[in-house]
Amino acid sequence: MRRETIIRLESGQYNLSVGLAIRIAKTLIVAVGDIFYVDIV
């Protein structure tokens, strides 16, 4: 495999996992916010 192709694959995988991590973080923030909202009310 050419080096450029490998680098492109790695960066694509990196972007994928970053997007996934952001999605998980948003879900956690919303879930925690719901819990605290219920506690306050």
N, C-alpha and C. Protein backbone atom coordinates (compact mmCIF):
# COMPACT_ATOMS: atom_id res chain seq x y z
N MET A 1 0.84 -1.19 0.00
CA MET A 1 0.00 0.00 0.00
C MET A 1 0.88 1.25 0.00
N ARG A 2 0.46 2.25 -0.72
CA ARG A 2 1.23 3.50 -0.73
C ARG A 2 1.02 4.25 0.59
N ARG A 3 2.02 5.01 0.93
CA ARG A 3 2.00 5.71 2.21
C ARG A 3 0.83 6.70 2.29
N GLU A 4 0.57 7.40 1.21
CA GLU A 4 -0.53 8.39 1.19
C GLU A 4 -1.87 7.73 1.51
N THR A 5 -2.07 6.56 0.91
CA THR A 5 -3.34 5.84 1.13
C THR A 5 -3.50 5.48 2.60
N ILE A 6 -2.42 5.00 3.21
CA ILE A 6 -2.47 4.61 4.62
C ILE A 6 -2.80 5.83 5.49
N ILE A 7 -2.12 6.94 5.21
CA ILE A 7 -2.37 8.17 5.98
C ILE A 7 -3.83 8.59 5.82
N ARG A 8 -4.34 8.49 4.61
CA ARG A 8 -5.73 8.90 4.36
C ARG A 8 -6.68 8.00 5.15
N LEU A 9 -6.41 6.70 5.16
CA LEU A 9 -7.26 5.76 5.90
C LEU A 9 -7.21 6.07 7.39
N GLU A 10 -6.01 6.32 7.91
CA GLU A 10 -5.87 6.60 9.34
C GLU A 10 -6.62 7.87 9.73
N SER A 11 -6.51 8.92 8.92
CA SER A 11 -7.20 10.17 9.25
C SER A 11 -8.71 9.98 9.14
N GLY A 12 -9.17 9.18 8.20
CA GLY A 12 -10.59 8.90 8.09
C GLY A 12 -11.11 8.17 9.31
N GLN A 13 -10.34 7.20 9.77
CA GLN A 13 -10.72 6.44 10.97
C GLN A 13 -10.72 7.37 12.18
N TYR A 14 -9.72 8.25 12.24
CA TYR A 14 -9.61 9.21 13.35
C TYR A 14 -10.85 10.11 13.39
N ASN A 15 -11.24 10.64 12.23
CA ASN A 15 -12.41 11.51 12.17
C ASN A 15 -13.66 10.76 12.60
N LEU A 16 -13.74 9.49 12.22
CA LEU A 16 -14.90 8.67 12.56
C LEU A 16 -15.01 8.52 14.08
N SER A 17 -13.89 8.18 14.73
CA SER A 17 -13.93 7.96 16.17
C SER A 17 -14.15 9.27 16.92
N VAL A 18 -13.64 10.37 16.39
CA VAL A 18 -13.88 11.67 17.03
C VAL A 18 -15.37 12.01 16.95
N GLY A 19 -15.97 11.79 15.79
CA GLY A 19 -17.40 12.04 15.63
C GLY A 19 -18.22 11.18 16.58
N LEU A 20 -17.80 9.93 16.72
CA LEU A 20 -18.50 9.01 17.62
C LEU A 20 -18.35 9.48 19.07
N ALA A 21 -17.16 9.89 19.45
CA ALA A 21 -16.92 10.36 20.82
C ALA A 21 -17.77 11.59 21.12
N ILE A 22 -17.86 12.50 20.16
CA ILE A 22 -18.67 13.71 20.34
C ILE A 22 -20.14 13.34 20.52
N ARG A 23 -20.60 12.37 19.71
CA ARG A 23 -22.00 11.94 19.81
C ARG A 23 -22.28 11.34 21.18
N ILE A 24 -21.35 10.50 21.67
CA ILE A 24 -21.52 9.87 22.98
C ILE A 24 -21.51 10.94 24.07
N ALA A 25 -20.59 11.91 23.95
CA ALA A 25 -20.50 12.98 24.95
C ALA A 25 -21.80 13.78 25.00
N LYS A 26 -22.35 14.11 23.85
CA LYS A 26 -23.62 14.85 23.80
C LYS A 26 -24.73 14.06 24.48
N THR A 27 -24.79 12.76 24.21
CA THR A 27 -25.81 11.91 24.81
C THR A 27 -25.66 11.89 26.33
N LEU A 28 -24.42 11.78 26.80
CA LEU A 28 -24.17 11.76 28.25
C LEU A 28 -24.58 13.09 28.88
N ILE A 29 -24.23 14.20 28.23
CA ILE A 29 -24.57 15.53 28.76
C ILE A 29 -26.09 15.67 28.86
N VAL A 30 -26.80 15.23 27.84
CA VAL A 30 -28.27 15.32 27.85
C VAL A 30 -28.83 14.45 28.96
N ALA A 31 -28.30 13.23 29.12
CA ALA A 31 -28.78 12.31 30.15
C ALA A 31 -28.54 12.90 31.54
N VAL A 32 -27.33 13.42 31.78
CA VAL A 32 -27.01 14.02 33.08
C VAL A 32 -27.89 15.24 33.32
N GLY A 33 -28.10 16.04 32.28
CA GLY A 33 -28.95 17.21 32.41
C GLY A 33 -30.37 16.82 32.79
N ASP A 34 -30.89 15.74 32.20
CA ASP A 34 -32.23 15.26 32.53
C ASP A 34 -32.29 14.85 34.00
N ILE A 35 -31.26 14.14 34.47
CA ILE A 35 -31.25 13.67 35.86
C ILE A 35 -31.27 14.86 36.81
N PHE A 36 -30.40 15.84 36.56
CA PHE A 36 -30.33 17.02 37.43
C PHE A 36 -31.62 17.82 37.35
N TYR A 37 -32.21 17.89 36.16
CA TYR A 37 -33.46 18.63 35.99
C TYR A 37 -34.56 18.00 36.85
N VAL A 38 -34.62 16.67 36.83
CA VAL A 38 -35.62 15.95 37.64
C VAL A 38 -35.35 16.20 39.12
N ASP A 39 -34.07 16.20 39.53
CA ASP A 39 -33.72 16.44 40.94
C ASP A 39 -34.15 17.84 41.37
N ILE A 40 -33.92 18.83 40.51
CA ILE A 40 -34.25 20.22 40.85
C ILE A 40 -35.77 20.37 40.97
N VAL A 41 -36.50 19.79 40.04
CA VAL A 41 -37.97 19.89 40.04
C VAL A 41 -38.52 18.86 41.03
